[in-house]
Amino acid sequence: MVVTKRIVAQQIFAYLNRKLPLEKLVDWSETVTMEGNIAEKDMDVLMTVLGKLGLADVRNFGLTWEDCQAMMNQLGYSLQVEMEAAA
């Protein structure tokens, strides 16, 4: 499978929605980067975003909401926050 901007955005979105733990996101990013099966036309942006995700478990780097917003923007997506009452 060729990794595209959409696939990377879906992984970030899953993380933000607590469906993917940070450790799994980092592992996925590192694996994708090592395998190198990345869409050629978006190689620069994908490598930048994947590089950031790959370091997200290092204390000095981390992964903030602002980081996620910026990466999603680089990938061509925007984020919106919704609120609902807790059950």
C-alpha atoms as a PDB file:
ATOM      1  CA  MET A   1       0.000   0.000   0.000  1.00  0.00           C
ATOM      2  CA  VAL A   2       1.290   3.432  -0.935  1.00  0.00           C
ATOM      3  CA  VAL A   3       1.039   5.891   1.947  1.00  0.00           C
ATOM      4  CA  THR A   4      -0.723   9.109   0.953  1.00  0.00           C
ATOM      5  CA  LYS A   5      -1.554  12.381   2.666  1.00  0.00           C
ATOM      6  CA  ARG A   6      -5.045  11.036   3.349  1.00  0.00           C
ATOM      7  CA  ILE A   7      -3.726   7.924   5.096  1.00  0.00           C
ATOM      8  CA  VAL A   8      -1.404   9.956   7.315  1.00  0.00           C
ATOM      9  CA  ALA A   9      -4.219  12.386   8.130  1.00  0.00           C
ATOM     10  CA  GLN A  10      -6.465   9.462   9.083  1.00  0.00           C
ATOM     11  CA  GLN A  11      -3.817   8.181  11.488  1.00  0.00           C
ATOM     12  CA  ILE A  12      -3.480  11.596  13.158  1.00  0.00           C
ATOM     13  CA  PHE A  13      -7.271  11.866  13.356  1.00  0.00           C
ATOM     14  CA  ALA A  14      -7.495   8.416  14.972  1.00  0.00           C
ATOM     15  CA  TYR A  15      -4.909   9.522  17.538  1.00  0.00           C
ATOM     16  CA  LEU A  16      -6.792  12.734  18.319  1.00  0.00           C
ATOM     17  CA  ASN A  17      -9.995  10.747  18.785  1.00  0.00           C
ATOM     18  CA  ARG A  18      -8.230   8.361  21.182  1.00  0.00           C
ATOM     19  CA  LYS A  19      -8.681   5.423  18.861  1.00  0.00           C
ATOM     20  CA  LEU A  20      -4.922   5.080  18.359  1.00  0.00           C
ATOM     21  CA  PRO A  21      -2.478   5.433  21.243  1.00  0.00           C
ATOM     22  CA  LEU A  22       0.574   7.647  20.790  1.00  0.00           C
ATOM     23  CA  GLU A  23       2.921   4.657  20.920  1.00  0.00           C
ATOM     24  CA  LYS A  24       1.098   2.997  18.004  1.00  0.00           C
ATOM     25  CA  LEU A  25       1.102   6.229  15.997  1.00  0.00           C
ATOM     26  CA  VAL A  26       4.853   6.579  16.525  1.00  0.00           C
ATOM     27  CA  ASP A  27       5.495   2.927  15.627  1.00  0.00           C
ATOM     28  CA  TRP A  28       3.337   3.225  12.507  1.00  0.00           C
ATOM     29  CA  SER A  29       5.153   6.380  11.414  1.00  0.00           C
ATOM     30  CA  GLU A  30       8.577   4.813  11.922  1.00  0.00           C
ATOM     31  CA  THR A  31       7.571   1.665  10.024  1.00  0.00           C
ATOM     32  CA  VAL A  32       6.145   3.644   7.100  1.00  0.00           C
ATOM     33  CA  THR A  33       9.287   5.776   6.933  1.00  0.00           C
ATOM     34  CA  MET A  34      11.584   2.743   6.954  1.00  0.00           C
ATOM     35  CA  GLU A  35       9.556   0.877   4.329  1.00  0.00           C
ATOM     36  CA  GLY A  36       9.610   3.925   2.064  1.00  0.00           C
ATOM     37  CA  ASN A  37       6.366   3.118   0.257  1.00  0.00           C
ATOM     38  CA  ILE A  38       5.324   6.778   0.203  1.00  0.00           C
ATOM     39  CA  ALA A  39       3.477   8.634  -2.556  1.00  0.00           C
ATOM     40  CA  GLU A  40       6.147  10.244  -4.739  1.00  0.00           C
ATOM     41  CA  LYS A  41       4.184  13.394  -5.545  1.00  0.00           C
ATOM     42  CA  ASP A  42       3.844  14.300  -1.838  1.00  0.00           C
ATOM     43  CA  MET A  43       7.178  12.923  -0.624  1.00  0.00           C
ATOM     44  CA  ASP A  44       8.444  16.175   0.940  1.00  0.00           C
ATOM     45  CA  VAL A  45       5.367  16.938   3.031  1.00  0.00           C
ATOM     46  CA  LEU A  46       4.850  13.298   3.988  1.00  0.00           C
ATOM     47  CA  MET A  47       8.444  12.861   5.146  1.00  0.00           C
ATOM     48  CA  THR A  48       8.206  16.070   7.188  1.00  0.00           C
ATOM     49  CA  VAL A  49       4.992  14.964   8.900  1.00  0.00           C
ATOM     50  CA  LEU A  50       6.120  11.366   9.388  1.00  0.00           C
ATOM     51  CA  GLY A  51       9.400  12.607  10.845  1.00  0.00           C
ATOM     52  CA  LYS A  52       7.525  14.705  13.414  1.00  0.00           C
ATOM     53  CA  LEU A  53       5.237  11.804  14.276  1.00  0.00           C
ATOM     54  CA  GLY A  54       8.196   9.476  14.642  1.00  0.00           C
ATOM     55  CA  LEU A  55       9.646  11.714  17.364  1.00  0.00           C
ATOM     56  CA  ALA A  56       6.376  12.343  19.196  1.00  0.00           C
ATOM     57  CA  ASP A  57       7.245   9.921  22.003  1.00  0.00           C
ATOM     58  CA  VAL A  58      10.452  11.792  22.881  1.00  0.00           C
ATOM     59  CA  ARG A  59       9.937  14.163  25.806  1.00  0.00           C
ATOM     60  CA  ASN A  60      11.730  17.086  24.126  1.00  0.00           C
ATOM     61  CA  PHE A  61       9.525  16.852  21.036  1.00  0.00           C
ATOM     62  CA  GLY A  62       6.083  15.627  22.103  1.00  0.00           C
ATOM     63  CA  LEU A  63       2.914  16.174  20.119  1.00  0.00           C
ATOM     64  CA  THR A  64       0.673  19.128  20.894  1.00  0.00           C
ATOM     65  CA  TRP A  65      -2.730  20.058  19.537  1.00  0.00           C
ATOM     66  CA  GLU A  66      -1.018  22.851  17.615  1.00  0.00           C
ATOM     67  CA  ASP A  67       1.407  20.327  16.102  1.00  0.00           C
ATOM     68  CA  CYS A  68      -1.517  18.194  14.962  1.00  0.00           C
ATOM     69  CA  GLN A  69      -3.304  21.209  13.484  1.00  0.00           C
ATOM     70  CA  ALA A  70      -0.183  22.257  11.596  1.00  0.00           C
ATOM     71  CA  MET A  71       0.430  18.753  10.257  1.00  0.00           C
ATOM     72  CA  MET A  72      -3.183  18.360   9.176  1.00  0.00           C
ATOM     73  CA  ASN A  73      -2.937  21.712   7.362  1.00  0.00           C
ATOM     74  CA  GLN A  74       0.236  20.530   5.618  1.00  0.00           C
ATOM     75  CA  LEU A  75      -1.670  17.432   4.539  1.00  0.00           C
ATOM     76  CA  GLY A  76      -4.539  19.531   3.169  1.00  0.00           C
ATOM     77  CA  TYR A  77      -7.032  19.085   6.025  1.00  0.00           C
ATOM     78  CA  SER A  78      -8.383  21.254   8.811  1.00  0.00           C
ATOM     79  CA  LEU A  79      -9.538  20.227  12.267  1.00  0.00           C
ATOM     80  CA  GLN A  80     -12.702  21.206  14.086  1.00  0.00           C
ATOM     81  CA  VAL A  81     -13.545  20.552  17.688  1.00  0.00           C
ATOM     82  CA  GLU A  82     -17.018  19.577  18.822  1.00  0.00           C
ATOM     83  CA  MET A  83     -18.341  19.296  22.322  1.00  0.00           C
ATOM     84  CA  GLU A  84     -20.964  16.934  23.636  1.00  0.00           C
ATOM     85  CA  ALA A  85     -22.160  16.103  27.098  1.00  0.00           C
ATOM     86  CA  ALA A  86     -20.458  13.182  28.809  1.00  0.00           C
ATOM     87  CA  ALA A  87     -22.659  10.156  29.271  1.00  0.00           C
END
